[in-house]
Amino acid sequence: IFCEQSQLLIAGAERGCVGWVVADCHSLTPVRRAK
């Protein structure tokens, strides 16, 4: 799920639940060796 107010991507997974801040998605560009 992605919560726009906090810019947080959350994953429910095999061994828990974690989140990452993924801000400024509109400014990202495709790269072969992405960060």
ModelCIF file with pLDDT and N, C-alpha, C, O atoms, coordinates in Angstrom:
data_MODEL
#
_entry.id   MODEL 
#
_entity.id                         1 
_entity.type                       polymer 
_entity.pdbx_number_of_molecules   1 
#
_entity_poly.entity_id                      1 
_entity_poly.type                           'polypeptide(L)' 
_entity_poly.nstd_linkage                   no 
_entity_poly.nstd_monomer                   no 
_entity_poly.pdbx_seq_one_letter_code       IFCEQSQLLIAGAERGCVGWVVADCHSLTPVRRAK 
_entity_poly.pdbx_seq_one_letter_code_can   IFCEQSQLLIAGAERGCVGWVVADCHSLTPVRRAK 
_entity_poly.pdbx_strand_id                 A 
#
loop_
_entity_poly_seq.entity_id 
_entity_poly_seq.num 
_entity_poly_seq.mon_id 
_entity_poly_seq.hetero 
1 1  ILE n 
1 2  PHE n 
1 3  CYS n 
1 4  GLU n 
1 5  GLN n 
1 6  SER n 
1 7  GLN n 
1 8  LEU n 
1 9  LEU n 
1 10 ILE n 
1 11 ALA n 
1 12 GLY n 
1 13 ALA n 
1 14 GLU n 
1 15 ARG n 
1 16 GLY n 
1 17 CYS n 
1 18 VAL n 
1 19 GLY n 
1 20 TRP n 
1 21 VAL n 
1 22 VAL n 
1 23 ALA n 
1 24 ASP n 
1 25 CYS n 
1 26 HIS n 
1 27 SER n 
1 28 LEU n 
1 29 THR n 
1 30 PRO n 
1 31 VAL n 
1 32 ARG n 
1 33 ARG n 
1 34 ALA n 
1 35 LYS n 
#
_struct_asym.id          A 
_struct_asym.entity_id   1 
#
loop_
_ma_qa_metric.id 
_ma_qa_metric.mode 
_ma_qa_metric.name 
_ma_qa_metric.software_group_id 
_ma_qa_metric.type 
1 global pLDDT . pLDDT 
2 local  pLDDT . pLDDT 
#
_ma_qa_metric_global.metric_id      1 
_ma_qa_metric_global.metric_value   90.46 
_ma_qa_metric_global.model_id       1 
_ma_qa_metric_global.ordinal_id     1 
#
loop_
_ma_qa_metric_local.label_asym_id 
_ma_qa_metric_local.label_comp_id 
_ma_qa_metric_local.label_seq_id 
_ma_qa_metric_local.metric_id 
_ma_qa_metric_local.metric_value 
_ma_qa_metric_local.model_id 
_ma_qa_metric_local.ordinal_id 
A ILE 1  2 98.00 1 1  
A PHE 2  2 97.00 1 2  
A CYS 3  2 95.00 1 3  
A GLU 4  2 91.00 1 4  
A GLN 5  2 91.00 1 5  
A SER 6  2 93.00 1 6  
A GLN 7  2 95.00 1 7  
A LEU 8  2 96.00 1 8  
A LEU 9  2 97.00 1 9  
A ILE 10 2 97.00 1 10 
A ALA 11 2 97.00 1 11 
A GLY 12 2 97.00 1 12 
A ALA 13 2 95.00 1 13 
A GLU 14 2 94.00 1 14 
A ARG 15 2 92.00 1 15 
A GLY 16 2 94.00 1 16 
A CYS 17 2 95.00 1 17 
A VAL 18 2 96.00 1 18 
A GLY 19 2 96.00 1 19 
A TRP 20 2 96.00 1 20 
A VAL 21 2 94.00 1 21 
A VAL 22 2 93.00 1 22 
A ALA 23 2 89.00 1 23 
A ASP 24 2 89.00 1 24 
A CYS 25 2 89.00 1 25 
A HIS 26 2 85.00 1 26 
A SER 27 2 87.00 1 27 
A LEU 28 2 86.00 1 28 
A THR 29 2 84.00 1 29 
A PRO 30 2 82.00 1 30 
A VAL 31 2 78.00 1 31 
A ARG 32 2 74.00 1 32 
A ARG 33 2 77.00 1 33 
A ALA 34 2 77.00 1 34 
A LYS 35 2 80.00 1 35 
#
loop_
_atom_site.group_PDB 
_atom_site.id 
_atom_site.type_symbol 
_atom_site.label_atom_id 
_atom_site.label_alt_id 
_atom_site.label_comp_id 
_atom_site.label_asym_id 
_atom_site.label_entity_id 
_atom_site.label_seq_id 
_atom_site.pdbx_PDB_ins_code 
_atom_site.Cartn_x 
_atom_site.Cartn_y 
_atom_site.Cartn_z 
_atom_site.occupancy 
_atom_site.B_iso_or_equiv 
_atom_site.pdbx_formal_charge 
_atom_site.auth_seq_id 
_atom_site.auth_comp_id 
_atom_site.auth_asym_id 
_atom_site.auth_atom_id 
_atom_site.pdbx_PDB_model_num 
ATOM 1   N N  . ILE A 1 1  ? 0.853  -1.173  0.000   1.00 98.00 ? 1  ILE A N  1 
ATOM 2   C CA . ILE A 1 1  ? 0.000  0.000   0.000   1.00 98.00 ? 1  ILE A CA 1 
ATOM 3   C C  . ILE A 1 1  ? 0.897  1.234   0.000   1.00 98.00 ? 1  ILE A C  1 
ATOM 4   O O  . ILE A 1 1  ? 2.036  1.182   0.463   1.00 98.00 ? 1  ILE A O  1 
ATOM 5   N N  . PHE A 1 2  ? 0.373  2.351   -0.525  1.00 97.00 ? 2  PHE A N  1 
ATOM 6   C CA . PHE A 1 2  ? 1.125  3.599   -0.520  1.00 97.00 ? 2  PHE A CA 1 
ATOM 7   C C  . PHE A 1 2  ? 0.262  4.669   0.123   1.00 97.00 ? 2  PHE A C  1 
ATOM 8   O O  . PHE A 1 2  ? -0.854 4.929   -0.325  1.00 97.00 ? 2  PHE A O  1 
ATOM 9   N N  . CYS A 1 3  ? 0.781  5.291   1.177   1.00 95.00 ? 3  CYS A N  1 
ATOM 10  C CA . CYS A 1 3  ? 0.063  6.336   1.902   1.00 95.00 ? 3  CYS A CA 1 
ATOM 11  C C  . CYS A 1 3  ? 0.643  7.682   1.481   1.00 95.00 ? 3  CYS A C  1 
ATOM 12  O O  . CYS A 1 3  ? 1.776  8.020   1.821   1.00 95.00 ? 3  CYS A O  1 
ATOM 13  N N  . GLU A 1 4  ? -0.153 8.439   0.737   1.00 91.00 ? 4  GLU A N  1 
ATOM 14  C CA . GLU A 1 4  ? 0.386  9.630   0.081   1.00 91.00 ? 4  GLU A CA 1 
ATOM 15  C C  . GLU A 1 4  ? 0.741  10.741  1.071   1.00 91.00 ? 4  GLU A C  1 
ATOM 16  O O  . GLU A 1 4  ? 1.717  11.460  0.858   1.00 91.00 ? 4  GLU A O  1 
ATOM 17  N N  . GLN A 1 5  ? -0.020 10.893  2.129   1.00 91.00 ? 5  GLN A N  1 
ATOM 18  C CA . GLN A 1 5  ? 0.252  11.976  3.071   1.00 91.00 ? 5  GLN A CA 1 
ATOM 19  C C  . GLN A 1 5  ? 1.636  11.848  3.695   1.00 91.00 ? 5  GLN A C  1 
ATOM 20  O O  . GLN A 1 5  ? 2.336  12.843  3.885   1.00 91.00 ? 5  GLN A O  1 
ATOM 21  N N  . SER A 1 6  ? 2.025  10.616  4.010   1.00 93.00 ? 6  SER A N  1 
ATOM 22  C CA . SER A 1 6  ? 3.338  10.380  4.619   1.00 93.00 ? 6  SER A CA 1 
ATOM 23  C C  . SER A 1 6  ? 4.382  9.941   3.605   1.00 93.00 ? 6  SER A C  1 
ATOM 24  O O  . SER A 1 6  ? 5.550  9.769   3.955   1.00 93.00 ? 6  SER A O  1 
ATOM 25  N N  . GLN A 1 7  ? 3.967  9.754   2.323   1.00 95.00 ? 7  GLN A N  1 
ATOM 26  C CA . GLN A 1 7  ? 4.868  9.278   1.273   1.00 95.00 ? 7  GLN A CA 1 
ATOM 27  C C  . GLN A 1 7  ? 5.518  7.948   1.667   1.00 95.00 ? 7  GLN A C  1 
ATOM 28  O O  . GLN A 1 7  ? 6.695  7.711   1.394   1.00 95.00 ? 7  GLN A O  1 
ATOM 29  N N  . LEU A 1 8  ? 4.731  7.092   2.310   1.00 96.00 ? 8  LEU A N  1 
ATOM 30  C CA . LEU A 1 8  ? 5.260  5.841   2.830   1.00 96.00 ? 8  LEU A CA 1 
ATOM 31  C C  . LEU A 1 8  ? 4.703  4.654   2.049   1.00 96.00 ? 8  LEU A C  1 
ATOM 32  O O  . LEU A 1 8  ? 3.490  4.485   1.926   1.00 96.00 ? 8  LEU A O  1 
ATOM 33  N N  . LEU A 1 9  ? 5.609  3.844   1.528   1.00 97.00 ? 9  LEU A N  1 
ATOM 34  C CA . LEU A 1 9  ? 5.255  2.568   0.916   1.00 97.00 ? 9  LEU A CA 1 
ATOM 35  C C  . LEU A 1 9  ? 5.377  1.492   1.984   1.00 97.00 ? 9  LEU A C  1 
ATOM 36  O O  . LEU A 1 9  ? 6.416  1.379   2.633   1.00 97.00 ? 9  LEU A O  1 
ATOM 37  N N  . ILE A 1 10 ? 4.318  0.696   2.174   1.00 97.00 ? 10 ILE A N  1 
ATOM 38  C CA . ILE A 1 10 ? 4.310  -0.341  3.201   1.00 97.00 ? 10 ILE A CA 1 
ATOM 39  C C  . ILE A 1 10 ? 4.125  -1.702  2.543   1.00 97.00 ? 10 ILE A C  1 
ATOM 40  O O  . ILE A 1 10 ? 3.314  -1.856  1.630   1.00 97.00 ? 10 ILE A O  1 
ATOM 41  N N  . ALA A 1 11 ? 4.880  -2.681  3.014   1.00 97.00 ? 11 ALA A N  1 
ATOM 42  C CA . ALA A 1 11 ? 4.769  -4.050  2.519   1.00 97.00 ? 11 ALA A CA 1 
ATOM 43  C C  . ALA A 1 11 ? 4.373  -4.981  3.654   1.00 97.00 ? 11 ALA A C  1 
ATOM 44  O O  . ALA A 1 11 ? 4.975  -4.960  4.727   1.00 97.00 ? 11 ALA A O  1 
ATOM 45  N N  . GLY A 1 12 ? 3.354  -5.799  3.408   1.00 97.00 ? 12 GLY A N  1 
ATOM 46  C CA . GLY A 1 12 ? 3.065  -6.933  4.261   1.00 97.00 ? 12 GLY A CA 1 
ATOM 47  C C  . GLY A 1 12 ? 3.786  -8.122  3.660   1.00 97.00 ? 12 GLY A C  1 
ATOM 48  O O  . GLY A 1 12 ? 3.598  -8.424  2.481   1.00 97.00 ? 12 GLY A O  1 
ATOM 49  N N  . ALA A 1 13 ? 4.605  -8.800  4.442   1.00 95.00 ? 13 ALA A N  1 
ATOM 50  C CA . ALA A 1 13 ? 5.525  -9.777  3.870   1.00 95.00 ? 13 ALA A CA 1 
ATOM 51  C C  . ALA A 1 13 ? 5.536  -11.082 4.656   1.00 95.00 ? 13 ALA A C  1 
ATOM 52  O O  . ALA A 1 13 ? 4.824  -11.244 5.647   1.00 95.00 ? 13 ALA A O  1 
ATOM 53  N N  . GLU A 1 14 ? 6.365  -12.004 4.184   1.00 94.00 ? 14 GLU A N  1 
ATOM 54  C CA . GLU A 1 14 ? 6.443  -13.339 4.794   1.00 94.00 ? 14 GLU A CA 1 
ATOM 55  C C  . GLU A 1 14 ? 6.898  -13.281 6.245   1.00 94.00 ? 14 GLU A C  1 
ATOM 56  O O  . GLU A 1 14 ? 6.516  -14.129 7.052   1.00 94.00 ? 14 GLU A O  1 
ATOM 57  N N  . ARG A 1 15 ? 7.719  -12.277 6.582   1.00 92.00 ? 15 ARG A N  1 
ATOM 58  C CA . ARG A 1 15 ? 8.264  -12.228 7.935   1.00 92.00 ? 15 ARG A CA 1 
ATOM 59  C C  . ARG A 1 15 ? 8.070  -10.858 8.571   1.00 92.00 ? 15 ARG A C  1 
ATOM 60  O O  . ARG A 1 15 ? 8.944  -10.383 9.295   1.00 92.00 ? 15 ARG A O  1 
ATOM 61  N N  . GLY A 1 16 ? 6.935  -10.221 8.308   1.00 94.00 ? 16 GLY A N  1 
ATOM 62  C CA . GLY A 1 16 ? 6.674  -8.969  8.987   1.00 94.00 ? 16 GLY A CA 1 
ATOM 63  C C  . GLY A 1 16 ? 6.073  -7.898  8.104   1.00 94.00 ? 16 GLY A C  1 
ATOM 64  O O  . GLY A 1 16 ? 5.582  -8.168  7.008   1.00 94.00 ? 16 GLY A O  1 
ATOM 65  N N  . CYS A 1 17 ? 6.125  -6.666  8.611   1.00 95.00 ? 17 CYS A N  1 
ATOM 66  C CA . CYS A 1 17 ? 5.522  -5.519  7.935   1.00 95.00 ? 17 CYS A CA 1 
ATOM 67  C C  . CYS A 1 17 ? 6.476  -4.335  8.060   1.00 95.00 ? 17 CYS A C  1 
ATOM 68  O O  . CYS A 1 17 ? 6.853  -3.948  9.166   1.00 95.00 ? 17 CYS A O  1 
ATOM 69  N N  . VAL A 1 18 ? 6.868  -3.758  6.913   1.00 96.00 ? 18 VAL A N  1 
ATOM 70  C CA . VAL A 1 18 ? 7.866  -2.694  6.925   1.00 96.00 ? 18 VAL A CA 1 
ATOM 71  C C  . VAL A 1 18 ? 7.447  -1.578  5.983   1.00 96.00 ? 18 VAL A C  1 
ATOM 72  O O  . VAL A 1 18 ? 6.582  -1.762  5.127   1.00 96.00 ? 18 VAL A O  1 
ATOM 73  N N  . GLY A 1 19 ? 8.080  -0.408  6.153   1.00 96.00 ? 19 GLY A N  1 
ATOM 74  C CA . GLY A 1 19 ? 7.760  0.729   5.309   1.00 96.00 ? 19 GLY A CA 1 
ATOM 75  C C  . GLY A 1 19 ? 8.988  1.522   4.912   1.00 96.00 ? 19 GLY A C  1 
ATOM 76  O O  . GLY A 1 19 ? 10.000 1.528   5.613   1.00 96.00 ? 19 GLY A O  1 
ATOM 77  N N  . TRP A 1 20 ? 8.881  2.199   3.761   1.00 96.00 ? 20 TRP A N  1 
ATOM 78  C CA . TRP A 1 20 ? 9.951  3.041   3.250   1.00 96.00 ? 20 TRP A CA 1 
ATOM 79  C C  . TRP A 1 20 ? 9.368  4.378   2.815   1.00 96.00 ? 20 TRP A C  1 
ATOM 80  O O  . TRP A 1 20 ? 8.288  4.424   2.227   1.00 96.00 ? 20 TRP A O  1 
ATOM 81  N N  . VAL A 1 21 ? 10.060 5.442   3.094   1.00 94.00 ? 21 VAL A N  1 
ATOM 82  C CA . VAL A 1 21 ? 9.666  6.746   2.579   1.00 94.00 ? 21 VAL A CA 1 
ATOM 83  C C  . VAL A 1 21 ? 10.093 6.818   1.114   1.00 94.00 ? 21 VAL A C  1 
ATOM 84  O O  . VAL A 1 21 ? 11.277 6.711   0.792   1.00 94.00 ? 21 VAL A O  1 
ATOM 85  N N  . VAL A 1 22 ? 9.111  6.999   0.235   1.00 93.00 ? 22 VAL A N  1 
ATOM 86  C CA . VAL A 1 22 ? 9.384  7.099   -1.199  1.00 93.00 ? 22 VAL A CA 1 
ATOM 87  C C  . VAL A 1 22 ? 8.820  8.440   -1.664  1.00 93.00 ? 22 VAL A C  1 
ATOM 88  O O  . VAL A 1 22 ? 7.695  8.514   -2.157  1.00 93.00 ? 22 VAL A O  1 
ATOM 89  N N  . ALA A 1 23 ? 9.609  9.489   -1.502  1.00 89.00 ? 23 ALA A N  1 
ATOM 90  C CA . ALA A 1 23 ? 9.152  10.856  -1.786  1.00 89.00 ? 23 ALA A CA 1 
ATOM 91  C C  . ALA A 1 23 ? 9.538  11.276  -3.199  1.00 89.00 ? 23 ALA A C  1 
ATOM 92  O O  . ALA A 1 23 ? 10.417 10.685  -3.827  1.00 89.00 ? 23 ALA A O  1 
ATOM 93  N N  . ASP A 1 24 ? 8.858  12.310  -3.681  1.00 89.00 ? 24 ASP A N  1 
ATOM 94  C CA . ASP A 1 24 ? 9.175  12.931  -4.975  1.00 89.00 ? 24 ASP A CA 1 
ATOM 95  C C  . ASP A 1 24 ? 9.201  11.912  -6.110  1.00 89.00 ? 24 ASP A C  1 
ATOM 96  O O  . ASP A 1 24 ? 10.106 11.917  -6.944  1.00 89.00 ? 24 ASP A O  1 
ATOM 97  N N  . CYS A 1 25 ? 8.198  11.042  -6.127  1.00 89.00 ? 25 CYS A N  1 
ATOM 98  C CA . CYS A 1 25 ? 8.135  10.017  -7.177  1.00 89.00 ? 25 CYS A CA 1 
ATOM 99  C C  . CYS A 1 25 ? 8.071  10.646  -8.567  1.00 89.00 ? 25 CYS A C  1 
ATOM 100 O O  . CYS A 1 25 ? 8.574  10.073  -9.533  1.00 89.00 ? 25 CYS A O  1 
ATOM 101 N N  . HIS A 1 26 ? 7.455  11.821  -8.667  1.00 85.00 ? 26 HIS A N  1 
ATOM 102 C CA . HIS A 1 26 ? 7.284  12.470  -9.971  1.00 85.00 ? 26 HIS A CA 1 
ATOM 103 C C  . HIS A 1 26 ? 8.617  12.885  -10.586 1.00 85.00 ? 26 HIS A C  1 
ATOM 104 O O  . HIS A 1 26 ? 8.702  13.081  -11.798 1.00 85.00 ? 26 HIS A O  1 
ATOM 105 N N  . SER A 1 27 ? 9.655  13.020  -9.768  1.00 87.00 ? 27 SER A N  1 
ATOM 106 C CA . SER A 1 27 ? 10.950 13.490  -10.271 1.00 87.00 ? 27 SER A CA 1 
ATOM 107 C C  . SER A 1 27 ? 11.897 12.343  -10.622 1.00 87.00 ? 27 SER A C  1 
ATOM 108 O O  . SER A 1 27 ? 12.991 12.583  -11.131 1.00 87.00 ? 27 SER A O  1 
ATOM 109 N N  . LEU A 1 28 ? 11.494 11.119  -10.360 1.00 86.00 ? 28 LEU A N  1 
ATOM 110 C CA . LEU A 1 28 ? 12.358 9.983   -10.652 1.00 86.00 ? 28 LEU A CA 1 
ATOM 111 C C  . LEU A 1 28 ? 12.373 9.691   -12.150 1.00 86.00 ? 28 LEU A C  1 
ATOM 112 O O  . LEU A 1 28 ? 11.364 9.872   -12.831 1.00 86.00 ? 28 LEU A O  1 
ATOM 113 N N  . THR A 1 29 ? 13.501 9.244   -12.653 1.00 84.00 ? 29 THR A N  1 
ATOM 114 C CA . THR A 1 29 ? 13.625 8.887   -14.065 1.00 84.00 ? 29 THR A CA 1 
ATOM 115 C C  . THR A 1 29 ? 14.165 7.467   -14.182 1.00 84.00 ? 29 THR A C  1 
ATOM 116 O O  . THR A 1 29 ? 14.937 7.027   -13.331 1.00 84.00 ? 29 THR A O  1 
ATOM 117 N N  . PRO A 1 30 ? 13.764 6.740   -15.238 1.00 82.00 ? 30 PRO A N  1 
ATOM 118 C CA . PRO A 1 30 ? 14.231 5.356   -15.400 1.00 82.00 ? 30 PRO A CA 1 
ATOM 119 C C  . PRO A 1 30 ? 15.736 5.289   -15.635 1.00 82.00 ? 30 PRO A C  1 
ATOM 120 O O  . PRO A 1 30 ? 16.276 6.031   -16.455 1.00 82.00 ? 30 PRO A O  1 
ATOM 121 N N  . VAL A 1 31 ? 16.400 4.409   -14.924 1.00 78.00 ? 31 VAL A N  1 
ATOM 122 C CA . VAL A 1 31 ? 17.839 4.176   -15.126 1.00 78.00 ? 31 VAL A CA 1 
ATOM 123 C C  . VAL A 1 31 ? 18.104 2.678   -15.036 1.00 78.00 ? 31 VAL A C  1 
ATOM 124 O O  . VAL A 1 31 ? 17.476 1.961   -14.258 1.00 78.00 ? 31 VAL A O  1 
ATOM 125 N N  . ARG A 1 32 ? 19.043 2.231   -15.847 1.00 74.00 ? 32 ARG A N  1 
ATOM 126 C CA . ARG A 1 32 ? 19.326 0.798   -15.886 1.00 74.00 ? 32 ARG A CA 1 
ATOM 127 C C  . ARG A 1 32 ? 19.850 0.304   -14.540 1.00 74.00 ? 32 ARG A C  1 
ATOM 128 O O  . ARG A 1 32 ? 19.533 -0.808  -14.116 1.00 74.00 ? 32 ARG A O  1 
ATOM 129 N N  . ARG A 1 33 ? 20.639 1.119   -13.880 1.00 77.00 ? 33 ARG A N  1 
ATOM 130 C CA . ARG A 1 33 ? 21.144 0.752   -12.558 1.00 77.00 ? 33 ARG A CA 1 
ATOM 131 C C  . ARG A 1 33 ? 20.522 1.690   -11.517 1.00 77.00 ? 33 ARG A C  1 
ATOM 132 O O  . ARG A 1 33 ? 21.181 2.578   -10.977 1.00 77.00 ? 33 ARG A O  1 
ATOM 133 N N  . ALA A 1 34 ? 19.253 1.465   -11.262 1.00 77.00 ? 34 ALA A N  1 
ATOM 134 C CA . ALA A 1 34 ? 18.523 2.323   -10.337 1.00 77.00 ? 34 ALA A CA 1 
ATOM 135 C C  . ALA A 1 34 ? 19.082 2.180   -8.925  1.00 77.00 ? 34 ALA A C  1 
ATOM 136 O O  . ALA A 1 34 ? 19.611 1.136   -8.541  1.00 77.00 ? 34 ALA A O  1 
ATOM 137 N N  . LYS A 1 35 ? 18.947 3.258   -8.172  1.00 80.00 ? 35 LYS A N  1 
ATOM 138 C CA . LYS A 1 35 ? 19.359 3.241   -6.773  1.00 80.00 ? 35 LYS A CA 1 
ATOM 139 C C  . LYS A 1 35 ? 18.602 2.158   -6.013  1.00 80.00 ? 35 LYS A C  1 
ATOM 140 O O  . LYS A 1 35 ? 18.810 1.984   -4.813  1.00 80.00 ? 35 LYS A O  1 
#
